[in-house]
Amino acid sequence: MPDVAVEGGIVDLMVGLPPAPGDMSWRDALRPLLKDEQSLGGFAHPASYMFKNLPSERFADDPPRAVLEAMDAYGVATALITVHPDNPVSVRAVTEHPDRFIGAVEVDPNAGVAGVRALRHAVETLGVRAAAALPAGTFPQRPLDDAAWFPLYTACIDLGVPFLPCVGIPGPRIPFAPQHVMLLDRVCYEFPELTIITRHGCEPWEELAVKLMLKWPNLHYSTSAFAPKYYPQAIVDYANTRGADKVLFAGYFPMGLSYETIFEQLPNVGFRPEVWPKFLRGNAARIFGL
């Protein structure tokens, strides 16, 4: 990983503000969809069967300070975090440190017009720069090409913010159908002005994701939720050829991965030297206007 790759500082497109010690509110958010005993009460993480060694930093008494210290230690200049308008910690992070934190707000197609208004409010009053979603986690579940999403897609275009959906089989034990990669084909067709950056790997359809990125100029890929040693070979090959402007770094710190693990493994990813600056900063800086 050449030094030029981090000139200006890395942009990480998926960082979590760690909750207070012992906080398991993620389970409440997914509870309507959970059925198995481990998910309902045993798991410490929505996908504990995948993440065996959870980072010690995933809880903190002062979340913004803890995350900033970790970012500084590893050369991360800017992090995209989820902002909950009713969570003062996340609001404080983006308002007190606008040069370090940029915000994404979770959107819900089942909220209807109220959801569109909430997205607009977050962008206009909190400076949020993206809309994010776990389509498989909506209740009822809404596939990415369901018309219930369309008002949110239109709002993203009007507001000039990208849409970051989790795509591929989700970690939580919930049905994956709403996140099948093929659903993006219709979304990109109906909304060519919507900038889309997929999250969480698109697996096991990463080769289809590459085909769709070749087809649709508005479709991009971020590497969240997978340690670098597990980056799909199809994505690495694509970044090294025609996709250098389409693949972006997202780490998943501290929810499931430590920065120590991420940055220990990153140099072994087989990106060509000219890809690193775009992957670690340039593509995100262009899309988010940094």
Foldseek 3Di string as FASTA:
>chain_A
DDPLLQVVFFEAEEAEQAAAPPDPCVLVLQVVFDDDPCSNPNDPALQCVVFVDADPLNHDPQRLVSVVVQRVVPRHFAYEYEDDPVDVSSLCNCVVCVRHYAYEYEAALVVAPVRLVVRVCCCVPSVHAAYEYAQQRHVVRDAPLRCSCVSVQVSCLVSLHAYEYAAAADSHPGDRVSRQPVSVQVVCVVRLSHQYEYDDQNPPCVVVLLVVVVVHVRYAYEYPPDALVPRDPNVQVCCQPVCLLGYAYHYHPNSRDRVVRRVVCVVVRPHDPVSSNNHGPVNCCVSRVD
